[in-house]
Protein backbone atom coordinates (compact mmCIF):
# COMPACT_ATOMS: atom_id res chain seq x y z
CA MET A 1 107.73 9.33 128.31
CA ARG A 2 108.82 11.11 124.79
CA GLY A 3 110.10 7.83 123.51
CA ASN A 4 106.97 6.29 124.21
CA SER A 5 104.81 8.86 121.99
CA ARG A 6 107.36 8.54 119.33
CA GLN A 7 107.15 4.57 119.42
CA VAL A 8 102.85 4.89 119.29
CA THR A 9 103.38 7.40 116.47
CA MET A 10 105.34 5.12 114.60
CA LEU A 11 103.33 2.09 115.18
CA ALA A 12 100.29 4.37 113.97
CA GLY A 13 101.79 5.31 111.04
CA ALA A 14 102.99 1.59 110.34
CA LEU A 15 99.21 0.54 110.76
CA GLY A 16 98.17 3.56 108.28
CA LEU A 17 100.47 2.39 105.84
CA ALA A 18 98.98 -1.23 105.72
CA GLY A 19 95.56 -0.07 105.69
CA VAL A 20 96.41 2.29 102.76
CA ALA A 21 98.00 -0.54 100.82
CA ALA A 22 95.17 -2.42 101.53
CA ALA A 23 92.77 0.40 100.22
CA PHE A 24 95.05 0.37 96.97
CA PHE A 25 94.13 -3.00 96.12
CA PHE A 26 90.57 -3.78 97.78
CA SER A 27 88.69 -0.23 97.74
CA ALA A 28 87.42 1.79 94.73
CA ARG A 29 90.33 3.51 92.88
CA GLU A 30 88.49 6.63 93.05
CA ARG A 31 88.17 6.36 96.71
CA PHE A 32 91.92 5.56 97.20
CA TRP A 33 92.99 8.49 95.06
CA ILE A 34 90.92 10.96 96.42
CA ASN A 35 91.96 10.36 100.17
CA TRP A 36 95.45 10.80 98.71
CA VAL A 37 94.56 14.34 97.11
CA LEU A 38 92.86 15.22 100.33
CA TRP A 39 95.57 14.56 102.61
CA PHE A 40 98.39 15.65 100.85
CA LEU A 41 96.33 18.99 100.18
CA PHE A 42 95.75 19.22 104.04
CA LEU A 43 99.38 18.95 105.33
CA LEU A 44 100.42 20.80 102.00
CA THR A 45 98.07 23.86 102.89
CA THR A 46 99.11 23.79 106.56
CA GLY A 47 102.58 23.94 105.40
CA LEU A 48 102.09 26.78 103.06
CA GLY A 49 99.89 28.92 105.81
CA SER A 50 102.92 28.26 108.15
CA LEU A 51 105.31 29.58 105.47
CA PHE A 52 103.07 32.73 105.03
CA LEU A 53 103.46 33.40 108.52
CA VAL A 54 107.20 33.26 108.32
CA ALA A 55 107.17 35.76 105.33
CA LEU A 56 104.85 37.91 107.01
CA GLU A 57 107.01 38.63 109.88
CA HIS A 58 109.87 39.76 107.65
CA VAL A 59 107.36 41.68 105.47
CA VAL A 60 106.08 43.82 108.46
CA GLY A 61 109.22 43.93 110.62
CA ALA A 62 107.53 42.29 113.54
CA ARG A 63 109.61 41.52 116.50
CA TRP A 64 106.97 40.20 119.11
CA SER A 65 106.91 36.82 116.86
CA VAL A 66 110.40 36.20 116.59
CA PRO A 67 110.69 33.80 119.56
CA LEU A 68 107.94 31.87 117.90
CA ARG A 69 109.17 32.14 114.43
CA ARG A 70 111.09 28.33 114.76
CA VAL A 71 107.58 26.75 115.05
CA PRO A 72 105.93 28.17 111.72
CA GLU A 73 109.47 27.49 110.03
CA THR A 74 109.79 24.04 111.09
CA LEU A 75 105.99 23.45 109.98
CA ALA A 76 106.58 24.81 106.63
CA SER A 77 109.00 21.96 106.03
CA LEU A 78 105.63 19.83 105.16
CA VAL A 79 105.87 21.59 101.84
CA LEU A 80 108.95 19.11 100.92
CA PRO A 81 107.10 15.74 101.56
CA MET A 82 103.77 16.84 100.47
CA GLY A 83 105.59 18.07 97.21
CA ALA A 84 106.51 14.65 96.64
CA ALA A 85 103.30 13.45 97.81
CA ALA A 86 101.71 15.91 94.80
CA LEU A 87 103.85 14.28 92.29
CA VAL A 88 102.43 10.93 93.01
CA ALA A 89 98.88 12.40 92.96
CA LEU A 90 99.60 12.89 89.25
CA LEU A 91 98.91 9.17 89.05
CA SER A 92 95.34 10.07 89.98
CA LEU A 93 94.68 12.02 86.80
CA GLY A 94 92.98 9.30 84.69
CA THR A 95 90.93 8.14 87.39
CA LEU A 96 89.65 11.29 89.07
CA TYR A 97 89.63 14.09 86.54
CA PRO A 98 87.16 14.20 83.52
CA TRP A 99 88.97 16.24 81.42
CA THR A 100 91.76 13.65 80.77
CA SER A 101 89.08 11.65 79.10
CA ALA A 102 87.65 11.81 75.50
CA GLU A 103 84.39 11.60 77.16
CA GLY A 104 84.97 14.19 79.19
CA LEU A 105 85.88 16.62 76.35
CA ARG A 106 82.76 16.35 74.65
CA ASP A 107 81.27 18.96 77.18
CA PRO A 108 81.98 22.39 75.20
CA LEU A 109 82.60 24.00 78.52
CA VAL A 110 85.49 21.53 79.33
CA ALA A 111 86.94 21.46 75.71
CA GLY A 112 87.25 25.01 75.88
CA LYS A 113 89.72 24.85 78.64
CA ALA A 114 91.88 22.19 76.96
CA ALA A 115 94.52 24.38 76.42
CA TRP A 116 94.98 24.54 80.45
CA LEU A 117 93.77 21.24 81.28
CA ASN A 118 95.71 18.78 79.60
CA GLU A 119 98.07 16.44 81.59
CA PRO A 120 101.45 17.43 80.23
CA PHE A 121 100.86 21.06 81.10
CA PHE A 122 99.28 20.14 84.52
CA ALA A 123 102.52 18.06 85.36
CA LEU A 124 104.63 21.15 84.47
CA ARG A 125 102.61 23.40 86.77
CA VAL A 126 102.72 20.92 89.76
CA ALA A 127 106.73 20.41 89.49
CA ALA A 128 107.02 24.12 89.16
CA CYS A 129 104.79 24.92 92.13
CA VAL A 130 106.79 22.17 94.07
CA LEU A 131 110.54 23.78 93.19
CA LEU A 132 109.20 27.34 93.81
CA TRP A 133 107.74 26.08 97.40
CA ALA A 134 110.94 24.16 98.21
CA ALA A 135 113.36 27.19 97.02
CA SER A 136 111.06 29.49 99.23
CA TYR A 137 111.54 26.92 102.08
CA ARG A 138 115.02 27.11 101.90
CA VAL A 139 115.39 30.74 101.46
CA LEU A 140 113.26 31.62 104.73
CA ALA A 141 113.33 28.85 106.95
CA GLY A 142 116.80 27.25 105.97
CA GLY A 143 118.39 30.75 106.17
CA SER A 144 116.98 30.98 109.35
CA ARG A 145 118.65 27.88 110.64
CA ARG A 146 121.68 28.72 109.37
CA GLN A 147 121.83 32.04 111.04
CA ASP A 148 121.78 30.02 114.36
CA ARG A 149 125.24 28.60 113.42
CA THR A 150 126.49 31.92 111.86
CA GLY A 151 125.12 34.62 113.78
CA ASP A 152 125.03 36.61 110.35
CA PRO A 153 122.59 39.39 110.45
CA ARG A 154 122.41 39.81 106.83
CA PHE A 155 119.40 37.10 106.79
CA ASN A 156 117.33 39.29 108.11
CA ARG A 157 118.01 41.91 105.23
CA ARG A 158 117.67 38.71 102.62
CA ALA A 159 114.47 37.48 104.06
CA ARG A 160 113.04 41.02 104.28
CA ARG A 161 113.71 41.45 100.48
CA PHE A 162 112.53 37.74 99.44
CA ALA A 163 109.39 37.71 101.69
CA PRO A 164 107.25 40.19 99.24
CA LEU A 165 108.14 38.14 96.10
CA PHE A 166 107.09 35.13 98.26
CA MET A 167 103.79 36.55 98.84
CA VAL A 168 103.54 36.80 95.11
CA ILE A 169 104.66 33.13 94.39
CA LEU A 170 102.18 31.91 97.17
CA GLY A 171 99.20 34.01 95.84
CA LEU A 172 99.98 32.27 92.09
CA THR A 173 100.85 28.94 93.33
CA ILE A 174 98.09 28.47 95.93
CA THR A 175 95.92 29.71 93.04
CA VAL A 176 97.04 27.12 90.63
CA THR A 177 96.80 24.53 93.28
CA ALA A 178 92.87 25.51 94.00
CA PHE A 179 92.34 25.33 90.57
CA ASP A 180 94.05 22.40 89.27
CA TRP A 181 93.76 19.75 92.08
CA ILE A 182 90.04 20.55 93.71
CA SER A 183 88.01 22.76 90.89
CA SER A 184 89.27 20.74 88.09
CA LEU A 185 87.59 17.76 89.56
CA GLU A 186 84.43 19.34 87.91
CA PRO A 187 85.88 21.35 85.46
CA ALA A 188 82.83 22.96 83.95
CA TRP A 189 82.74 25.12 87.12
CA TYR A 190 84.65 28.05 87.76
CA SER A 191 84.89 30.63 90.47
CA ASP A 192 86.77 34.07 90.26
CA ILE A 193 87.67 33.97 94.02
CA PHE A 194 88.37 30.23 94.79
CA GLY A 195 92.13 30.59 95.20
CA VAL A 196 91.32 33.18 97.53
CA TYR A 197 89.03 30.98 99.57
CA VAL A 198 91.63 27.97 99.76
CA PHE A 199 94.49 30.66 100.97
CA ALA A 200 92.28 31.77 103.60
CA GLY A 201 91.87 28.21 104.74
CA ALA A 202 95.60 27.67 104.59
CA PHE A 203 96.52 30.46 106.62
CA LEU A 204 94.10 29.67 109.27
CA ALA A 205 95.30 25.96 109.23
CA GLY A 206 98.86 27.14 109.25
CA LEU A 207 98.11 29.49 112.08
CA ALA A 208 96.19 26.68 114.11
CA ALA A 209 99.21 24.35 113.73
CA THR A 210 101.60 26.94 114.92
CA THR A 211 99.74 27.88 117.89
CA LEU A 212 98.99 24.08 118.71
CA PHE A 213 102.69 23.43 118.44
CA ALA A 214 104.01 26.33 120.49
CA LEU A 215 101.56 25.35 123.14
CA HIS A 216 103.08 21.90 122.93
CA LEU A 217 106.64 23.01 123.20
CA ARG A 218 106.12 25.83 125.93
CA GLY A 219 104.39 23.09 128.11
CA ALA A 220 107.51 21.10 127.52
CA GLY A 221 109.73 23.70 128.77
CA ARG A 222 111.31 24.22 125.47
CA LEU A 223 110.39 28.00 124.50
CA ASP A 224 111.20 29.82 127.60
CA GLY A 225 110.40 33.38 127.64
CA VAL A 226 107.55 33.15 125.59
CA GLY A 227 104.33 34.46 127.77
CA PRO A 228 100.87 34.88 127.67
CA ASP A 229 101.46 38.47 125.53
CA HIS A 230 102.63 36.31 122.91
CA LEU A 231 99.62 33.80 123.06
CA HIS A 232 97.38 36.47 123.06
CA ASN A 233 98.48 37.72 119.67
CA LEU A 234 98.27 34.25 118.32
CA GLY A 235 94.94 34.10 119.67
CA GLY A 236 93.94 37.22 118.04
CA PHE A 237 95.01 36.28 114.92
CA LEU A 238 93.03 33.30 115.07
CA PHE A 239 90.06 35.37 115.51
CA ALA A 240 90.78 37.72 112.99
CA PHE A 241 91.39 35.10 110.20
CA THR A 242 88.21 32.86 111.39
CA VAL A 243 86.09 36.19 110.21
CA PHE A 244 88.15 36.50 107.13
CA TRP A 245 87.65 32.91 106.03
CA SER A 246 83.86 32.93 106.54
CA TYR A 247 83.74 36.30 104.75
CA ILE A 248 85.51 34.80 101.60
CA GLY A 249 83.35 31.58 101.84
CA PHE A 250 80.35 33.55 102.37
CA ALA A 251 81.03 36.03 99.45
CA GLN A 252 81.66 33.13 96.98
CA TYR A 253 78.37 31.39 98.03
CA MET A 254 76.20 34.46 97.80
CA LEU A 255 77.49 35.87 94.42
CA MET A 256 76.73 32.59 92.97
CA TRP A 257 73.44 32.07 94.51
CA TYR A 258 72.56 35.77 93.57
CA ALA A 259 73.51 35.20 89.70
CA ASN A 260 72.11 31.68 89.53
CA ILE A 261 74.38 30.84 86.51
CA PRO A 262 74.15 27.06 85.89
CA GLU A 263 77.95 26.70 85.58
CA GLU A 264 78.38 27.91 88.83
CA VAL A 265 75.39 26.56 90.97
CA PHE A 266 75.71 23.02 90.21
CA TRP A 267 78.70 22.56 92.22
CA TYR A 268 76.96 24.25 95.33
CA GLU A 269 73.73 22.15 94.54
CA ALA A 270 75.41 18.65 95.00
CA ARG A 271 77.13 20.04 98.28
CA LEU A 272 74.14 21.32 99.75
CA GLU A 273 72.02 17.83 99.35
CA GLY A 274 71.47 15.16 102.07
CA ALA A 275 74.13 14.90 104.27
CA TRP A 276 76.43 17.08 102.33
CA GLY A 277 74.39 19.96 103.29
CA GLY A 278 74.59 18.87 107.00
CA ILE A 279 78.54 19.07 106.80
CA LEU A 280 78.44 22.56 105.00
CA LEU A 281 76.16 23.45 108.37
CA ALA A 282 78.96 21.85 110.64
CA LEU A 283 81.47 24.04 108.92
CA ALA A 284 79.20 27.47 109.48
CA VAL A 285 79.19 26.74 113.26
CA PHE A 286 82.41 25.03 113.94
CA HIS A 287 84.63 26.71 111.61
CA PHE A 288 83.20 30.03 112.31
CA LEU A 289 80.54 30.40 114.55
CA VAL A 290 82.28 28.60 117.80
CA PRO A 291 85.49 30.08 117.50
CA PHE A 292 84.29 33.31 117.20
CA LEU A 293 82.31 33.27 119.95
CA VAL A 294 84.74 31.67 122.15
CA LEU A 295 87.70 34.08 121.16
CA ILE A 296 85.54 37.24 121.51
CA PRO A 297 86.77 37.89 125.47
CA ARG A 298 90.09 39.28 125.66
CA ALA A 299 91.09 36.84 128.62
CA VAL A 300 90.85 33.59 126.71
CA LYS A 301 93.14 34.67 123.64
CA SER A 302 95.92 33.85 126.18
CA ASP A 303 94.40 31.00 127.94
CA PRO A 304 96.41 28.05 126.84
CA ARG A 305 93.66 25.68 127.39
CA VAL A 306 91.18 27.57 125.26
CA LEU A 307 93.62 28.17 122.42
CA LEU A 308 94.52 24.48 122.31
CA ARG A 309 90.93 23.42 121.76
CA VAL A 310 90.29 26.33 119.30
CA SER A 311 93.35 25.09 117.29
CA LEU A 312 92.48 21.76 117.25
CA LEU A 313 89.11 22.18 116.17
CA MET A 314 90.17 24.61 113.62
CA LEU A 315 92.48 21.93 111.96
CA ALA A 316 89.83 19.54 112.09
CA MET A 317 87.32 21.92 110.10
CA HIS A 318 90.06 22.83 107.49
CA TRP A 319 90.13 18.86 106.92
CA LEU A 320 86.30 18.85 106.76
CA ASP A 321 86.25 21.68 104.46
CA LEU A 322 88.62 19.98 101.97
CA TYR A 323 86.70 16.70 102.44
CA TRP A 324 83.42 18.64 101.61
CA MET A 325 85.06 20.25 98.27
CA LEU A 326 86.59 17.02 97.25
CA PHE A 327 84.56 14.06 97.87
CA PRO A 328 81.44 15.41 96.07
CA SER A 329 83.07 14.78 92.80
CA ILE A 330 83.18 10.76 93.10
CA GLY A 331 79.42 10.79 93.56
CA GLY A 332 77.39 9.26 96.16
CA ALA A 333 77.14 10.14 100.15
CA PRO A 334 79.94 11.17 102.65
CA VAL A 335 81.93 7.99 103.58
CA PHE A 336 83.90 7.31 106.53
CA GLY A 337 85.37 3.94 106.77
CA TRP A 338 88.65 1.92 107.36
CA PRO A 339 90.15 3.54 104.34
CA GLU A 340 89.71 7.02 105.33
CA LEU A 341 90.91 5.78 108.94
CA SER A 342 94.26 4.59 107.13
CA PHE A 343 94.89 7.74 105.12
CA ALA A 344 94.61 9.75 108.51
CA LEU A 345 96.82 7.53 110.54
CA LEU A 346 99.70 7.49 107.72
CA PHE A 347 99.55 11.36 106.61
CA LEU A 348 98.93 12.53 110.24
CA SER A 349 101.61 9.93 111.82
CA GLY A 350 104.04 10.89 108.85
CA GLY A 351 103.56 14.56 109.60
CA ILE A 352 104.08 14.55 113.08
CA LEU A 353 107.52 12.34 112.64
CA TRP A 354 108.65 14.86 109.96
CA VAL A 355 108.12 17.73 112.25
CA ARG A 356 109.59 16.29 115.13
CA ARG A 357 112.87 15.23 113.31
CA ILE A 358 112.99 18.98 111.69
CA MET A 359 112.55 20.69 115.01
CA ASP A 360 115.10 18.35 116.78
CA GLY A 361 117.76 19.11 114.16
CA GLY A 362 118.05 22.66 115.85
CA ALA A 363 117.26 24.98 118.57
CA THR A 364 113.53 25.77 119.20
CA MET A 365 113.92 29.61 118.53
CA PRO A 366 116.06 31.26 116.15
CA VAL A 367 118.99 31.94 118.47
CA GLY A 368 121.09 33.91 115.79
CA ASP A 369 118.38 36.41 115.15
CA PRO A 370 119.69 39.84 116.36
CA PHE A 371 115.90 40.57 117.26
CA LEU A 372 115.36 37.70 119.66
CA ARG A 373 115.92 39.45 122.61
CA GLU A 374 113.44 42.32 121.91
CA GLY A 375 110.88 39.73 120.88
CA LEU A 376 111.23 38.07 124.31
CA GLU A 377 110.77 41.29 126.30
CA PHE A 378 107.61 41.95 124.43
CA ARG A 379 105.02 43.11 126.59
CA LEU A 380 101.28 44.21 125.54
């Protein structure tokens, strides 16, 4: 059964690769590259959100989450292939980003940002972010896997010392990523809390992916000892950070609406017209209202069926949120056609195969961690 699912995933990936290759030659170049940026950001932010979960456990010294930690550690490995995808996305600068052209620099607001928005410095920032993410993954997740073989308890002390530094690294790099890859598509626009908004979405996506993957492994009998109380904590985090994402998104919109500064409101104006306004309404309903109401009762926070559906919904809404932020920059109404389907097949299949490969390379729990037994005995 497992072999069949792998073959289906590989077939879907092959079809996606063929479709992406066709999109490169037969669709508009802007549409090709905006899909590339969308999908690498979707998987990258999911990986970064998962790595933040790993670091958070070490920062606060949590014990209940130790049996689950290998799941976000594995998902965090997505930062490695998506770092490579970000380097490929540098080829999109001349097509998507108006600050790369002489015409775009005629706008004084854009020209005033030339010291930051120029191709050499942009590429340097991308490379620096990729290196920092890879190094952080090696320390936090790679060290955990080495501990499985050695049983060395010194890893826990090293990880606990490094985790606060990673929080700083993540805060800086995800803000740079948000400003560079998303907001600079329309470089006259700015928002002081845009990096926080993207971080909120990334953490929620990492949490949803961790919950989804943990449920899959638990159902397959590969997370023995992980019980309803562990799931309840994951459900509680999903509930809490749904509210956090919504608060940051509403705060950004409310402040810009209230101030009514032309350099700020034009970005929202384009995303409230026509079908784009419908997508924003869908985000409000399905990214906040539905998960919030569903997860209020205590019992459902540990119900695998409910958590499965809510996690899938949140990941879908995280993708739609990125779509809503990115696609209006190329103009026109929302488009969902064969190029979008091809990118979905390629990146999702590739991501699933990558995560399976990493998970199959070791234990599904951090068996060398001295706190594993305490985590397995956790009860609310």
